[in-house]
Amino acid sequence: MVRAVFPGTFDPVTYGHLNVVERAARLFDRVIVGVYTDPPKVLTFTADERVEMFRQSLVHLPEVEVRLFSGLMVEFAHEVQAAVVVRGLRIGADFEYERELALMNREIAPDIEVACLLTSLEYQFVSSTRVKEIAELHGDVSRFVPPVVNEKLRQKFGYRRPT
């Protein structure tokens, strides 16, 4: 049985993240989404909110579990007995960042493989940062995020539902 982890801050989860998880679930026996608790950036949602939004967005995938983690992602992979870390790639800049991260993680934990999945074309431009910026300016983000996330963003930033 091959387990994989898909780590990230997911602030908030987008359809691009779900695209990667759904495809990873077809490749691996078990996928564990690791929601990072303490990233070095300002977050919009608490760790518990991010976990709950991801869980509600994945009810159609019972083989995927969502958990909080802190520390190194390869240590988290060891903790949950995963052999693979799944990473999503959107644009060219993602590749360089992920390549460097994968090489560093290989030095730390040579037994953990990294599998990079290209996000489907329709989600290549979607990022949590851009989604939050649009929501903060009262724009409609419903085509970029699951309904539960859209509602949480609407509550957080006070924008109206589209008519």
N, C-alpha and C. Protein backbone atom coordinates (compact mmCIF):
# COMPACT_ATOMS: atom_id res chain seq x y z
N MET A 1 0.85 -1.18 0.00
CA MET A 1 0.00 0.00 0.00
C MET A 1 0.90 1.25 0.00
N VAL A 2 0.68 2.13 -0.96
CA VAL A 2 1.49 3.34 -1.05
C VAL A 2 0.68 4.53 -0.55
N ARG A 3 1.23 5.17 0.48
CA ARG A 3 0.62 6.37 1.03
C ARG A 3 1.37 7.59 0.53
N ALA A 4 0.61 8.68 0.35
CA ALA A 4 1.20 9.94 -0.06
C ALA A 4 0.66 11.05 0.81
N VAL A 5 1.48 12.09 1.00
CA VAL A 5 1.01 13.29 1.68
C VAL A 5 1.01 14.43 0.67
N PHE A 6 0.04 15.31 0.84
CA PHE A 6 -0.06 16.53 0.03
C PHE A 6 -0.06 17.69 1.02
N PRO A 7 1.13 18.28 1.26
CA PRO A 7 1.23 19.33 2.28
C PRO A 7 1.04 20.73 1.70
N GLY A 8 0.56 21.63 2.54
CA GLY A 8 0.43 23.02 2.14
C GLY A 8 -0.28 23.82 3.21
N THR A 9 -0.35 25.13 2.99
CA THR A 9 -1.09 25.97 3.94
C THR A 9 -2.57 25.99 3.60
N PHE A 10 -2.89 25.95 2.31
CA PHE A 10 -4.28 25.90 1.85
C PHE A 10 -5.12 26.99 2.49
N ASP A 11 -4.68 28.22 2.30
CA ASP A 11 -5.33 29.39 2.90
C ASP A 11 -5.91 30.30 1.82
N PRO A 12 -7.02 29.94 1.23
CA PRO A 12 -7.84 28.75 1.42
C PRO A 12 -7.59 27.71 0.32
N VAL A 13 -8.26 26.57 0.49
CA VAL A 13 -8.23 25.53 -0.54
C VAL A 13 -8.93 26.05 -1.79
N THR A 14 -8.36 25.73 -2.95
CA THR A 14 -8.93 26.15 -4.23
C THR A 14 -9.27 24.92 -5.06
N TYR A 15 -9.93 25.14 -6.18
CA TYR A 15 -10.19 24.03 -7.10
C TYR A 15 -8.88 23.46 -7.66
N GLY A 16 -7.84 24.26 -7.73
CA GLY A 16 -6.54 23.76 -8.16
C GLY A 16 -5.99 22.73 -7.18
N HIS A 17 -6.11 23.02 -5.88
CA HIS A 17 -5.69 22.06 -4.86
C HIS A 17 -6.51 20.77 -4.97
N LEU A 18 -7.81 20.93 -5.13
CA LEU A 18 -8.67 19.74 -5.23
C LEU A 18 -8.33 18.91 -6.46
N ASN A 19 -7.99 19.58 -7.55
CA ASN A 19 -7.60 18.89 -8.77
C ASN A 19 -6.38 17.99 -8.51
N VAL A 20 -5.40 18.51 -7.81
CA VAL A 20 -4.20 17.73 -7.50
C VAL A 20 -4.54 16.57 -6.57
N VAL A 21 -5.34 16.81 -5.55
CA VAL A 21 -5.71 15.74 -4.60
C VAL A 21 -6.50 14.65 -5.30
N GLU A 22 -7.46 15.02 -6.12
CA GLU A 22 -8.27 14.02 -6.83
C GLU A 22 -7.40 13.14 -7.71
N ARG A 23 -6.44 13.72 -8.38
CA ARG A 23 -5.57 12.95 -9.26
C ARG A 23 -4.60 12.09 -8.45
N ALA A 24 -4.11 12.63 -7.33
CA ALA A 24 -3.24 11.84 -6.45
C ALA A 24 -3.99 10.64 -5.87
N ALA A 25 -5.28 10.82 -5.59
CA ALA A 25 -6.08 9.73 -5.04
C ALA A 25 -6.23 8.58 -6.03
N ARG A 26 -6.10 8.86 -7.32
CA ARG A 26 -6.14 7.79 -8.33
C ARG A 26 -4.80 7.07 -8.42
N LEU A 27 -3.73 7.72 -8.00
CA LEU A 27 -2.38 7.15 -8.10
C LEU A 27 -1.93 6.39 -6.86
N PHE A 28 -2.42 6.81 -5.70
CA PHE A 28 -1.95 6.25 -4.44
C PHE A 28 -3.11 5.62 -3.67
N ASP A 29 -2.77 4.64 -2.84
CA ASP A 29 -3.80 3.95 -2.06
C ASP A 29 -4.44 4.85 -1.02
N ARG A 30 -3.63 5.72 -0.46
CA ARG A 30 -4.11 6.64 0.58
C ARG A 30 -3.41 7.98 0.39
N VAL A 31 -4.17 9.06 0.47
CA VAL A 31 -3.60 10.41 0.41
C VAL A 31 -3.98 11.14 1.69
N ILE A 32 -2.98 11.72 2.30
CA ILE A 32 -3.21 12.50 3.52
C ILE A 32 -2.84 13.95 3.21
N VAL A 33 -3.82 14.81 3.27
CA VAL A 33 -3.59 16.24 3.08
C VAL A 33 -3.05 16.77 4.40
N GLY A 34 -1.89 17.38 4.35
CA GLY A 34 -1.29 17.96 5.54
C GLY A 34 -1.45 19.46 5.51
N VAL A 35 -2.24 19.99 6.40
CA VAL A 35 -2.45 21.44 6.50
C VAL A 35 -1.43 21.98 7.49
N TYR A 36 -0.52 22.79 6.97
CA TYR A 36 0.59 23.31 7.77
C TYR A 36 0.08 24.36 8.75
N THR A 37 0.45 24.19 10.02
CA THR A 37 -0.11 25.06 11.06
C THR A 37 0.54 26.42 11.18
N ASP A 38 1.85 26.49 10.98
CA ASP A 38 2.57 27.73 11.30
C ASP A 38 3.48 28.23 10.17
N PRO A 39 2.93 28.54 9.02
CA PRO A 39 3.80 29.03 7.95
C PRO A 39 4.30 30.45 8.26
N PRO A 40 5.42 30.82 7.65
CA PRO A 40 5.97 32.16 7.91
C PRO A 40 5.28 33.24 7.07
N LYS A 41 3.97 33.21 7.04
CA LYS A 41 3.23 34.24 6.32
C LYS A 41 1.92 34.51 7.05
N VAL A 42 1.33 35.64 6.78
CA VAL A 42 0.07 36.01 7.42
C VAL A 42 -1.06 35.21 6.78
N LEU A 43 -1.86 34.57 7.61
CA LEU A 43 -2.95 33.74 7.13
C LEU A 43 -4.30 34.42 7.35
N THR A 44 -5.23 34.09 6.50
CA THR A 44 -6.60 34.61 6.62
C THR A 44 -7.44 33.72 7.52
N PHE A 45 -7.21 32.41 7.45
CA PHE A 45 -8.00 31.46 8.21
C PHE A 45 -7.13 30.71 9.22
N THR A 46 -7.76 30.31 10.33
CA THR A 46 -7.05 29.53 11.33
C THR A 46 -6.77 28.13 10.77
N ALA A 47 -5.88 27.42 11.42
CA ALA A 47 -5.56 26.06 11.01
C ALA A 47 -6.81 25.18 11.02
N ASP A 48 -7.61 25.30 12.07
CA ASP A 48 -8.84 24.49 12.16
C ASP A 48 -9.83 24.83 11.05
N GLU A 49 -9.95 26.11 10.72
CA GLU A 49 -10.84 26.51 9.62
C GLU A 49 -10.35 25.93 8.29
N ARG A 50 -9.04 25.97 8.07
CA ARG A 50 -8.49 25.44 6.82
C ARG A 50 -8.70 23.94 6.71
N VAL A 51 -8.51 23.22 7.82
CA VAL A 51 -8.76 21.77 7.83
C VAL A 51 -10.23 21.49 7.52
N GLU A 52 -11.11 22.19 8.19
CA GLU A 52 -12.54 21.94 8.02
C GLU A 52 -13.01 22.25 6.60
N MET A 53 -12.52 23.35 6.02
CA MET A 53 -12.90 23.67 4.64
C MET A 53 -12.41 22.59 3.68
N PHE A 54 -11.19 22.08 3.90
CA PHE A 54 -10.66 21.03 3.03
C PHE A 54 -11.48 19.75 3.21
N ARG A 55 -11.76 19.39 4.45
CA ARG A 55 -12.56 18.17 4.70
C ARG A 55 -13.92 18.25 4.02
N GLN A 56 -14.58 19.37 4.15
CA GLN A 56 -15.91 19.51 3.54
C GLN A 56 -15.83 19.49 2.02
N SER A 57 -14.70 19.88 1.48
CA SER A 57 -14.51 19.89 0.02
C SER A 57 -14.16 18.51 -0.53
N LEU A 58 -13.83 17.57 0.36
CA LEU A 58 -13.37 16.24 -0.06
C LEU A 58 -14.32 15.11 0.32
N VAL A 59 -15.56 15.41 0.62
CA VAL A 59 -16.47 14.35 1.05
C VAL A 59 -16.63 13.26 -0.02
N HIS A 60 -16.38 13.60 -1.26
CA HIS A 60 -16.50 12.63 -2.36
C HIS A 60 -15.27 11.72 -2.47
N LEU A 61 -14.26 11.95 -1.64
CA LEU A 61 -13.03 11.15 -1.67
C LEU A 61 -12.75 10.55 -0.29
N PRO A 62 -13.42 9.46 0.06
CA PRO A 62 -13.23 8.88 1.40
C PRO A 62 -11.82 8.37 1.66
N GLU A 63 -11.04 8.11 0.60
CA GLU A 63 -9.67 7.62 0.79
C GLU A 63 -8.67 8.73 1.10
N VAL A 64 -9.17 9.97 1.16
CA VAL A 64 -8.30 11.11 1.48
C VAL A 64 -8.63 11.60 2.88
N GLU A 65 -7.57 11.80 3.65
CA GLU A 65 -7.68 12.26 5.02
C GLU A 65 -7.04 13.64 5.12
N VAL A 66 -7.54 14.49 6.00
CA VAL A 66 -6.97 15.83 6.20
C VAL A 66 -6.51 15.94 7.65
N ARG A 67 -5.25 16.34 7.82
CA ARG A 67 -4.66 16.48 9.15
C ARG A 67 -3.84 17.75 9.25
N LEU A 68 -3.70 18.24 10.46
CA LEU A 68 -2.78 19.34 10.74
C LEU A 68 -1.37 18.78 10.90
N PHE A 69 -0.38 19.60 10.53
CA PHE A 69 1.00 19.23 10.85
C PHE A 69 1.84 20.49 11.03
N SER A 70 2.95 20.32 11.72
CA SER A 70 3.93 21.39 11.87
C SER A 70 5.30 20.77 11.66
N GLY A 71 6.28 21.61 11.45
CA GLY A 71 7.62 21.09 11.21
C GLY A 71 7.85 20.74 9.76
N LEU A 72 8.85 19.91 9.52
CA LEU A 72 9.23 19.54 8.16
C LEU A 72 8.22 18.58 7.53
N MET A 73 7.94 18.80 6.24
CA MET A 73 6.96 17.93 5.58
C MET A 73 7.46 16.50 5.47
N VAL A 74 8.77 16.29 5.35
CA VAL A 74 9.27 14.91 5.28
C VAL A 74 9.13 14.21 6.64
N GLU A 75 9.22 14.95 7.72
CA GLU A 75 8.98 14.37 9.05
C GLU A 75 7.51 13.99 9.18
N PHE A 76 6.63 14.84 8.65
CA PHE A 76 5.20 14.52 8.64
C PHE A 76 4.96 13.26 7.81
N ALA A 77 5.62 13.16 6.66
CA ALA A 77 5.49 11.97 5.82
C ALA A 77 5.92 10.72 6.59
N HIS A 78 7.03 10.80 7.30
CA HIS A 78 7.46 9.67 8.12
C HIS A 78 6.43 9.33 9.20
N GLU A 79 5.91 10.36 9.83
CA GLU A 79 4.93 10.17 10.91
C GLU A 79 3.70 9.39 10.43
N VAL A 80 3.23 9.69 9.22
CA VAL A 80 2.03 9.02 8.71
C VAL A 80 2.36 7.84 7.81
N GLN A 81 3.65 7.47 7.78
CA GLN A 81 4.15 6.33 7.01
C GLN A 81 3.87 6.47 5.51
N ALA A 82 4.09 7.68 5.02
CA ALA A 82 3.93 7.94 3.59
C ALA A 82 5.28 7.82 2.90
N ALA A 83 5.27 7.26 1.70
CA ALA A 83 6.50 7.10 0.93
C ALA A 83 6.69 8.24 -0.08
N VAL A 84 5.63 9.04 -0.28
CA VAL A 84 5.63 10.05 -1.33
C VAL A 84 5.06 11.36 -0.80
N VAL A 85 5.68 12.46 -1.21
CA VAL A 85 5.12 13.79 -0.99
C VAL A 85 4.64 14.28 -2.35
N VAL A 86 3.37 14.64 -2.43
CA VAL A 86 2.78 15.15 -3.67
C VAL A 86 2.82 16.67 -3.64
N ARG A 87 3.26 17.24 -4.74
CA ARG A 87 3.28 18.68 -4.88
C ARG A 87 2.60 19.05 -6.19
N GLY A 88 1.89 20.16 -6.19
CA GLY A 88 1.22 20.64 -7.40
C GLY A 88 2.04 21.72 -8.07
N LEU A 89 2.08 21.67 -9.39
CA LEU A 89 2.77 22.70 -10.17
C LEU A 89 1.76 23.43 -11.04
N ARG A 90 1.82 24.77 -11.02
CA ARG A 90 0.93 25.57 -11.85
C ARG A 90 1.70 26.24 -12.97
N ILE A 91 2.68 27.01 -12.61
CA ILE A 91 3.40 27.84 -13.58
C ILE A 91 4.89 27.53 -13.50
N GLY A 92 5.65 28.06 -14.45
CA GLY A 92 7.07 27.80 -14.50
C GLY A 92 7.82 28.10 -13.22
N ALA A 93 7.47 29.19 -12.56
CA ALA A 93 8.15 29.56 -11.32
C ALA A 93 7.97 28.50 -10.24
N ASP A 94 6.84 27.81 -10.25
CA ASP A 94 6.60 26.72 -9.29
C ASP A 94 7.65 25.63 -9.46
N PHE A 95 8.03 25.35 -10.70
CA PHE A 95 8.98 24.27 -10.96
C PHE A 95 10.31 24.52 -10.25
N GLU A 96 10.86 25.70 -10.39
CA GLU A 96 12.15 26.00 -9.75
C GLU A 96 12.06 25.88 -8.24
N TYR A 97 11.02 26.43 -7.66
CA TYR A 97 10.83 26.36 -6.21
C TYR A 97 10.72 24.91 -5.77
N GLU A 98 9.87 24.13 -6.45
CA GLU A 98 9.64 22.73 -6.07
C GLU A 98 10.88 21.86 -6.31
N ARG A 99 11.64 22.16 -7.35
CA ARG A 99 12.86 21.40 -7.61
C ARG A 99 13.86 21.59 -6.47
N GLU A 100 14.05 22.83 -6.06
CA GLU A 100 14.96 23.12 -4.95
C GLU A 100 14.48 22.45 -3.67
N LEU A 101 13.20 22.54 -3.40
CA LEU A 101 12.62 21.92 -2.20
C LEU A 101 12.79 20.40 -2.24
N ALA A 102 12.54 19.79 -3.39
CA ALA A 102 12.66 18.33 -3.53
C ALA A 102 14.10 17.88 -3.30
N LEU A 103 15.05 18.62 -3.86
CA LEU A 103 16.46 18.26 -3.68
C LEU A 103 16.89 18.38 -2.22
N MET A 104 16.44 19.43 -1.56
CA MET A 104 16.76 19.60 -0.14
C MET A 104 16.12 18.49 0.69
N ASN A 105 14.86 18.18 0.39
CA ASN A 105 14.18 17.12 1.14
C ASN A 105 14.81 15.76 0.90
N ARG A 106 15.34 15.54 -0.30
CA ARG A 106 16.03 14.27 -0.58
C ARG A 106 17.27 14.14 0.30
N GLU A 107 17.94 15.26 0.57
CA GLU A 107 19.10 15.22 1.47
C GLU A 107 18.69 14.89 2.90
N ILE A 108 17.55 15.44 3.31
CA ILE A 108 17.06 15.24 4.67
C ILE A 108 16.47 13.84 4.84
N ALA A 109 15.69 13.41 3.85
CA ALA A 109 14.96 12.14 3.94
C ALA A 109 15.02 11.43 2.59
N PRO A 110 16.12 10.73 2.30
CA PRO A 110 16.27 10.09 0.99
C PRO A 110 15.25 8.99 0.70
N ASP A 111 14.57 8.52 1.72
CA ASP A 111 13.57 7.47 1.53
C ASP A 111 12.21 8.01 1.07
N ILE A 112 12.03 9.32 1.07
CA ILE A 112 10.76 9.94 0.66
C ILE A 112 10.91 10.46 -0.77
N GLU A 113 10.02 10.03 -1.64
CA GLU A 113 10.00 10.51 -3.03
C GLU A 113 9.08 11.70 -3.14
N VAL A 114 9.32 12.55 -4.11
CA VAL A 114 8.46 13.68 -4.39
C VAL A 114 7.82 13.46 -5.76
N ALA A 115 6.51 13.57 -5.83
CA ALA A 115 5.78 13.46 -7.09
C ALA A 115 5.10 14.79 -7.36
N CYS A 116 5.49 15.44 -8.45
CA CYS A 116 4.89 16.72 -8.82
C CYS A 116 3.82 16.48 -9.88
N LEU A 117 2.63 16.96 -9.61
CA LEU A 117 1.52 16.84 -10.56
C LEU A 117 1.21 18.22 -11.12
N LEU A 118 1.14 18.31 -12.43
CA LEU A 118 0.76 19.56 -13.06
C LEU A 118 -0.74 19.78 -12.86
N THR A 119 -1.08 20.94 -12.36
CA THR A 119 -2.48 21.28 -12.20
C THR A 119 -3.13 21.35 -13.58
N SER A 120 -4.35 20.88 -13.68
CA SER A 120 -5.05 20.93 -14.96
C SER A 120 -5.08 22.37 -15.48
N LEU A 121 -5.12 22.47 -16.79
CA LEU A 121 -4.99 23.75 -17.47
C LEU A 121 -5.95 24.82 -16.95
N GLU A 122 -7.19 24.44 -16.67
CA GLU A 122 -8.17 25.45 -16.24
C GLU A 122 -7.87 26.04 -14.86
N TYR A 123 -6.93 25.44 -14.12
CA TYR A 123 -6.58 25.95 -12.79
C TYR A 123 -5.16 26.49 -12.71
N GLN A 124 -4.46 26.57 -13.83
CA GLN A 124 -3.07 26.99 -13.85
C GLN A 124 -2.86 28.38 -13.24
N PHE A 125 -3.82 29.24 -13.34
CA PHE A 125 -3.66 30.62 -12.87
C PHE A 125 -4.25 30.86 -11.48
N VAL A 126 -4.89 29.85 -10.90
CA VAL A 126 -5.59 30.03 -9.62
C VAL A 126 -4.61 29.84 -8.46
N SER A 127 -4.56 30.84 -7.60
CA SER A 127 -3.74 30.74 -6.38
C SER A 127 -4.56 31.25 -5.20
N SER A 128 -4.27 30.72 -4.04
CA SER A 128 -4.97 31.17 -2.82
C SER A 128 -4.79 32.67 -2.60
N THR A 129 -3.59 33.15 -2.87
CA THR A 129 -3.30 34.58 -2.68
C THR A 129 -4.21 35.44 -3.57
N ARG A 130 -4.30 35.10 -4.85
CA ARG A 130 -5.14 35.88 -5.77
C ARG A 130 -6.62 35.77 -5.39
N VAL A 131 -7.04 34.59 -4.99
CA VAL A 131 -8.43 34.39 -4.58
C VAL A 131 -8.77 35.30 -3.40
N LYS A 132 -7.88 35.36 -2.43
CA LYS A 132 -8.12 36.22 -1.26
C LYS A 132 -8.14 37.69 -1.65
N GLU A 133 -7.26 38.09 -2.55
CA GLU A 133 -7.24 39.49 -3.00
C GLU A 133 -8.55 39.86 -3.67
N ILE A 134 -9.06 38.99 -4.52
CA ILE A 134 -10.33 39.25 -5.20
C ILE A 134 -11.47 39.33 -4.19
N ALA A 135 -11.49 38.37 -3.25
CA ALA A 135 -12.56 38.35 -2.23
C ALA A 135 -12.49 39.60 -1.35
N GLU A 136 -11.29 40.00 -0.99
CA GLU A 136 -11.11 41.19 -0.15
C GLU A 136 -11.64 42.44 -0.84
N LEU A 137 -11.58 42.45 -2.17
CA LEU A 137 -12.08 43.58 -2.95
C LEU A 137 -13.52 43.35 -3.40
N HIS A 138 -14.18 42.40 -2.75
CA HIS A 138 -15.60 42.09 -2.95
C HIS A 138 -15.91 41.51 -4.32
N GLY A 139 -14.95 40.85 -4.92
CA GLY A 139 -15.18 40.18 -6.20
C GLY A 139 -15.69 38.76 -6.00
N ASP A 140 -16.28 38.22 -7.03
CA ASP A 140 -16.84 36.87 -7.01
C ASP A 140 -15.73 35.85 -7.25
N VAL A 141 -15.51 34.96 -6.30
CA VAL A 141 -14.48 33.92 -6.43
C VAL A 141 -15.09 32.52 -6.54
N SER A 142 -16.38 32.44 -6.75
CA SER A 142 -17.07 31.15 -6.73
C SER A 142 -16.56 30.17 -7.79
N ARG A 143 -15.99 30.64 -8.87
CA ARG A 143 -15.49 29.71 -9.89
C ARG A 143 -14.09 29.19 -9.58
N PHE A 144 -13.47 29.69 -8.50
CA PHE A 144 -12.11 29.29 -8.13
C PHE A 144 -12.05 28.41 -6.90
N VAL A 145 -13.11 28.41 -6.10
CA VAL A 145 -13.09 27.70 -4.81
C VAL A 145 -14.38 26.91 -4.61
N PRO A 146 -14.32 25.85 -3.80
CA PRO A 146 -15.54 25.10 -3.47
C PRO A 146 -16.55 25.98 -2.74
N PRO A 147 -17.83 25.61 -2.80
CA PRO A 147 -18.87 26.43 -2.16
C PRO A 147 -18.62 26.75 -0.68
N VAL A 148 -18.14 25.79 0.09
CA VAL A 148 -17.88 26.05 1.52
C VAL A 148 -16.82 27.13 1.69
N VAL A 149 -15.82 27.15 0.84
CA VAL A 149 -14.76 28.16 0.90
C VAL A 149 -15.29 29.51 0.45
N ASN A 150 -16.09 29.50 -0.60
CA ASN A 150 -16.69 30.74 -1.08
C ASN A 150 -17.51 31.40 0.03
N GLU A 151 -18.28 30.60 0.73
CA GLU A 151 -19.10 31.13 1.82
C GLU A 151 -18.24 31.68 2.95
N LYS A 152 -17.18 30.99 3.31
CA LYS A 152 -16.28 31.47 4.37
C LYS A 152 -15.60 32.78 3.96
N LEU A 153 -15.18 32.87 2.71
CA LEU A 153 -14.58 34.12 2.22
C LEU A 153 -15.60 35.25 2.22
N ARG A 154 -16.82 34.93 1.82
CA ARG A 154 -17.87 35.94 1.82
C ARG A 154 -18.11 36.46 3.24
N GLN A 155 -18.17 35.55 4.20
CA GLN A 155 -18.35 35.95 5.60
C GLN A 155 -17.17 36.78 6.11
N LYS A 156 -15.96 36.37 5.73
CA LYS A 156 -14.75 37.03 6.21
C LYS A 156 -14.62 38.45 5.65
N PHE A 157 -14.94 38.60 4.35
CA PHE A 157 -14.72 39.88 3.69
C PHE A 157 -16.00 40.66 3.41
N GLY A 158 -17.14 40.07 3.69
CA GLY A 158 -18.40 40.80 3.61
C GLY A 158 -18.92 41.13 2.23
N TYR A 159 -18.54 40.38 1.23
CA TYR A 159 -19.06 40.70 -0.10
C TYR A 159 -20.39 39.97 -0.33
N ARG A 160 -21.16 40.48 -1.26
CA ARG A 160 -22.46 39.89 -1.57
C ARG A 160 -22.30 38.71 -2.51
N ARG A 161 -23.27 37.83 -2.45
CA ARG A 161 -23.31 36.74 -3.40
C ARG A 161 -23.61 37.31 -4.78
N PRO A 162 -23.06 36.71 -5.84
CA PRO A 162 -23.40 37.20 -7.18
C PRO A 162 -24.87 36.97 -7.50
N THR A 163 -25.44 37.86 -8.28
CA THR A 163 -26.86 37.72 -8.63
C THR A 163 -27.02 37.18 -10.03
